[in-house]
Amino acid sequence: MRVTIKIPDMTCDHCKMTIEKALKVISGLEDVQVDLKDKNVQVSGNILVNQVVDAIRTAGYTAGEIQSIKL
């Protein structure tokens, strides 16, 4: 599965690194791409959307609109 989620309160490189670190601990995750300019994150692997949303929230950020899901 590949999912892209908007993170509206991601504003700097520190935010980007914090989110990457929080997501990389998800079991089954294969790839993480955080785009600071577009304020979104794209993850892929054998994961559930709620795992990604929970990890973003636990890191202290808002998991905004889910922009796309591809199975």
C-alpha atoms as a PDB file:
ATOM      1  CA  MET A   1       0.000   0.000   0.000  1.00  0.00           C
ATOM      2  CA  ARG A   2       1.119   3.557  -0.673  1.00  0.00           C
ATOM      3  CA  VAL A   3      -0.462   6.475   1.166  1.00  0.00           C
ATOM      4  CA  THR A   4       0.117  10.224   0.957  1.00  0.00           C
ATOM      5  CA  ILE A   5      -0.922  12.397   3.897  1.00  0.00           C
ATOM      6  CA  LYS A   6      -0.850  16.183   4.231  1.00  0.00           C
ATOM      7  CA  ILE A   7       0.959  17.528   7.316  1.00  0.00           C
ATOM      8  CA  PRO A   8      -0.031  21.205   7.472  1.00  0.00           C
ATOM      9  CA  ASP A   9       2.042  22.123  10.529  1.00  0.00           C
ATOM     10  CA  MET A  10       5.354  20.795   9.164  1.00  0.00           C
ATOM     11  CA  THR A  11       7.457  23.935   8.682  1.00  0.00           C
ATOM     12  CA  CYS A  12      11.193  23.154   8.861  1.00  0.00           C
ATOM     13  CA  ASP A  13      13.903  20.540   8.394  1.00  0.00           C
ATOM     14  CA  HIS A  14      13.662  19.586  12.072  1.00  0.00           C
ATOM     15  CA  CYS A  15       9.962  18.801  11.563  1.00  0.00           C
ATOM     16  CA  LYS A  16      10.850  16.689   8.536  1.00  0.00           C
ATOM     17  CA  MET A  17      13.482  14.694  10.442  1.00  0.00           C
ATOM     18  CA  THR A  18      11.165  14.188  13.431  1.00  0.00           C
ATOM     19  CA  ILE A  19       8.385  12.833  11.216  1.00  0.00           C
ATOM     20  CA  GLU A  20      10.761  10.554   9.283  1.00  0.00           C
ATOM     21  CA  LYS A  21      12.113   9.141  12.555  1.00  0.00           C
ATOM     22  CA  ALA A  22       8.599   8.567  13.920  1.00  0.00           C
ATOM     23  CA  LEU A  23       7.458   6.758  10.786  1.00  0.00           C
ATOM     24  CA  LYS A  24      10.524   4.558  10.272  1.00  0.00           C
ATOM     25  CA  VAL A  25       9.686   2.501  13.378  1.00  0.00           C
ATOM     26  CA  ILE A  26       6.442   1.216  11.817  1.00  0.00           C
ATOM     27  CA  SER A  27       6.724  -2.496  11.170  1.00  0.00           C
ATOM     28  CA  GLY A  28       6.299  -3.365   7.490  1.00  0.00           C
ATOM     29  CA  LEU A  29       7.235   0.097   6.257  1.00  0.00           C
ATOM     30  CA  GLU A  30       9.321  -0.020   3.083  1.00  0.00           C
ATOM     31  CA  ASP A  31       9.757   3.638   2.095  1.00  0.00           C
ATOM     32  CA  VAL A  32       9.218   7.113   3.572  1.00  0.00           C
ATOM     33  CA  GLN A  33       9.347  10.321   1.535  1.00  0.00           C
ATOM     34  CA  VAL A  34       8.721  13.572   3.385  1.00  0.00           C
ATOM     35  CA  ASP A  35       8.187  16.629   1.187  1.00  0.00           C
ATOM     36  CA  LEU A  36       8.657  19.792   3.231  1.00  0.00           C
ATOM     37  CA  LYS A  37       7.737  22.117   0.359  1.00  0.00           C
ATOM     38  CA  ASP A  38       4.369  20.440  -0.301  1.00  0.00           C
ATOM     39  CA  LYS A  39       3.880  19.594   3.391  1.00  0.00           C
ATOM     40  CA  ASN A  40       3.098  15.934   2.858  1.00  0.00           C
ATOM     41  CA  VAL A  41       4.489  12.505   3.528  1.00  0.00           C
ATOM     42  CA  GLN A  42       4.286   9.444   1.305  1.00  0.00           C
ATOM     43  CA  VAL A  43       4.844   6.015   2.807  1.00  0.00           C
ATOM     44  CA  SER A  44       4.652   2.563   1.318  1.00  0.00           C
ATOM     45  CA  GLY A  45       4.756  -0.980   2.564  1.00  0.00           C
ATOM     46  CA  ASN A  46       2.627  -3.529   4.329  1.00  0.00           C
ATOM     47  CA  ILE A  47       1.112  -0.966   6.694  1.00  0.00           C
ATOM     48  CA  LEU A  48      -2.227   0.404   7.853  1.00  0.00           C
ATOM     49  CA  VAL A  49      -3.212   4.035   7.377  1.00  0.00           C
ATOM     50  CA  ASN A  50      -4.070   4.408  11.057  1.00  0.00           C
ATOM     51  CA  GLN A  51      -0.506   3.358  11.978  1.00  0.00           C
ATOM     52  CA  VAL A  52       0.851   6.243   9.912  1.00  0.00           C
ATOM     53  CA  VAL A  53      -1.662   8.740  11.300  1.00  0.00           C
ATOM     54  CA  ASP A  54      -0.952   7.629  14.879  1.00  0.00           C
ATOM     55  CA  ALA A  55       2.827   7.938  14.395  1.00  0.00           C
ATOM     56  CA  ILE A  56       2.466  11.469  12.984  1.00  0.00           C
ATOM     57  CA  ARG A  57       0.225  12.521  15.872  1.00  0.00           C
ATOM     58  CA  THR A  58       2.505  10.925  18.470  1.00  0.00           C
ATOM     59  CA  ALA A  59       5.393  12.936  17.012  1.00  0.00           C
ATOM     60  CA  GLY A  60       3.359  16.075  17.732  1.00  0.00           C
ATOM     61  CA  TYR A  61       2.073  16.934  14.268  1.00  0.00           C
ATOM     62  CA  THR A  62      -1.318  17.108  12.607  1.00  0.00           C
ATOM     63  CA  ALA A  63      -2.099  14.301  10.177  1.00  0.00           C
ATOM     64  CA  GLY A  64      -4.247  16.258   7.768  1.00  0.00           C
ATOM     65  CA  GLU A  65      -6.068  15.222   4.635  1.00  0.00           C
ATOM     66  CA  ILE A  66      -5.248  11.818   3.181  1.00  0.00           C
ATOM     67  CA  GLN A  67      -4.381  12.759  -0.375  1.00  0.00           C
ATOM     68  CA  SER A  68      -4.170   9.293  -1.906  1.00  0.00           C
ATOM     69  CA  ILE A  69      -4.187   5.596  -1.122  1.00  0.00           C
ATOM     70  CA  LYS A  70      -2.951   2.996  -3.590  1.00  0.00           C
ATOM     71  CA  LEU A  71      -3.146  -0.674  -2.804  1.00  0.00           C
END
